[in-house]
């Protein structure tokens, strides 16, 4: 492995528009309902959380929704 890409890192300097694919990601999230229950946060709205992150990144990138990430290169 030469790089680690960290989504929504405070050091994010890269991004990808996900306006046309965000719903697919949210559908995938719903398919993992049992895993989410295991996090022990029954009142936390995971879909709203991800949509807000994507909206904020999209605003910075000039689109509706985006994913921001930092690219960390591993020496070696």
Protein backbone atom coordinates (compact mmCIF):
# COMPACT_ATOMS: atom_id res chain seq x y z
CA UNK A 1 0.00 0.00 0.00
CA UNK A 2 1.39 3.38 -1.00
CA UNK A 3 -1.42 5.71 0.04
CA UNK A 4 -4.23 6.00 2.56
CA UNK A 5 -7.21 8.13 1.56
CA UNK A 6 -9.06 9.44 4.62
CA UNK A 7 -12.62 10.62 3.94
CA UNK A 8 -13.74 13.87 5.57
CA UNK A 9 -10.39 14.39 7.23
CA UNK A 10 -9.80 17.91 8.57
CA UNK A 11 -6.73 17.87 6.31
CA UNK A 12 -8.82 17.09 3.19
CA UNK A 13 -7.42 18.72 0.06
CA UNK A 14 -9.08 16.44 -2.52
CA UNK A 15 -12.63 15.51 -3.36
CA UNK A 16 -14.98 13.69 -5.69
CA UNK A 17 -18.48 14.68 -6.72
CA UNK A 18 -21.11 12.14 -5.59
CA UNK A 19 -24.26 14.04 -6.55
CA UNK A 20 -25.48 11.26 -8.84
CA UNK A 21 -24.40 8.35 -6.61
CA UNK A 22 -25.14 9.48 -3.05
CA UNK A 23 -28.49 7.65 -3.03
CA UNK A 24 -26.71 4.38 -3.88
CA UNK A 25 -24.45 4.90 -0.88
CA UNK A 26 -27.42 5.60 1.39
CA UNK A 27 -29.16 2.48 0.08
CA UNK A 28 -26.05 0.47 0.92
CA UNK A 29 -26.01 2.01 4.39
CA UNK A 30 -29.62 0.89 4.94
CA UNK A 31 -28.62 -2.65 3.99
CA UNK A 32 -26.26 -2.67 6.98
CA UNK A 33 -28.95 -1.81 9.53
CA UNK A 34 -27.90 -4.54 11.98
CA UNK A 35 -24.31 -3.29 11.97
CA UNK A 36 -25.50 0.25 12.66
CA UNK A 37 -27.66 -0.97 15.55
CA UNK A 38 -24.54 -2.53 17.03
CA UNK A 39 -22.95 0.92 17.33
CA UNK A 40 -25.24 1.57 20.28
CA UNK A 41 -26.55 4.95 19.08
CA UNK A 42 -30.25 4.33 18.35
CA UNK A 43 -31.11 8.04 18.00
CA UNK A 44 -28.26 8.89 15.63
CA UNK A 45 -29.41 9.50 12.04
CA UNK A 46 -26.60 8.05 9.92
CA UNK A 47 -28.21 9.03 6.63
CA UNK A 48 -28.66 12.65 7.67
CA UNK A 49 -25.09 12.74 8.98
CA UNK A 50 -23.63 11.49 5.68
CA UNK A 51 -25.87 13.75 3.63
CA UNK A 52 -24.76 16.79 5.64
CA UNK A 53 -21.08 15.89 5.22
CA UNK A 54 -21.59 15.41 1.47
CA UNK A 55 -23.52 18.68 1.17
CA UNK A 56 -20.78 20.64 2.99
CA UNK A 57 -18.06 19.10 0.80
CA UNK A 58 -20.20 19.76 -2.28
CA UNK A 59 -20.59 23.41 -1.34
CA UNK A 60 -16.79 23.73 -1.17
CA UNK A 61 -16.40 22.00 -4.54
CA UNK A 62 -19.21 23.85 -6.33
CA UNK A 63 -21.60 20.90 -6.68
CA UNK A 64 -24.53 19.48 -4.72
CA UNK A 65 -22.80 16.54 -2.99
CA UNK A 66 -19.14 15.48 -2.74
CA UNK A 67 -16.77 13.44 -0.63
CA UNK A 68 -13.71 15.25 0.66
CA UNK A 69 -10.58 13.29 1.52
CA UNK A 70 -6.95 13.62 2.47
CA UNK A 71 -4.34 11.58 0.59
CA UNK A 72 -1.58 10.35 2.86
CA UNK A 73 1.47 8.87 1.17
CA UNK A 74 3.26 6.11 3.01
CA UNK A 75 7.03 6.19 2.84
CA UNK A 76 8.83 3.06 1.85
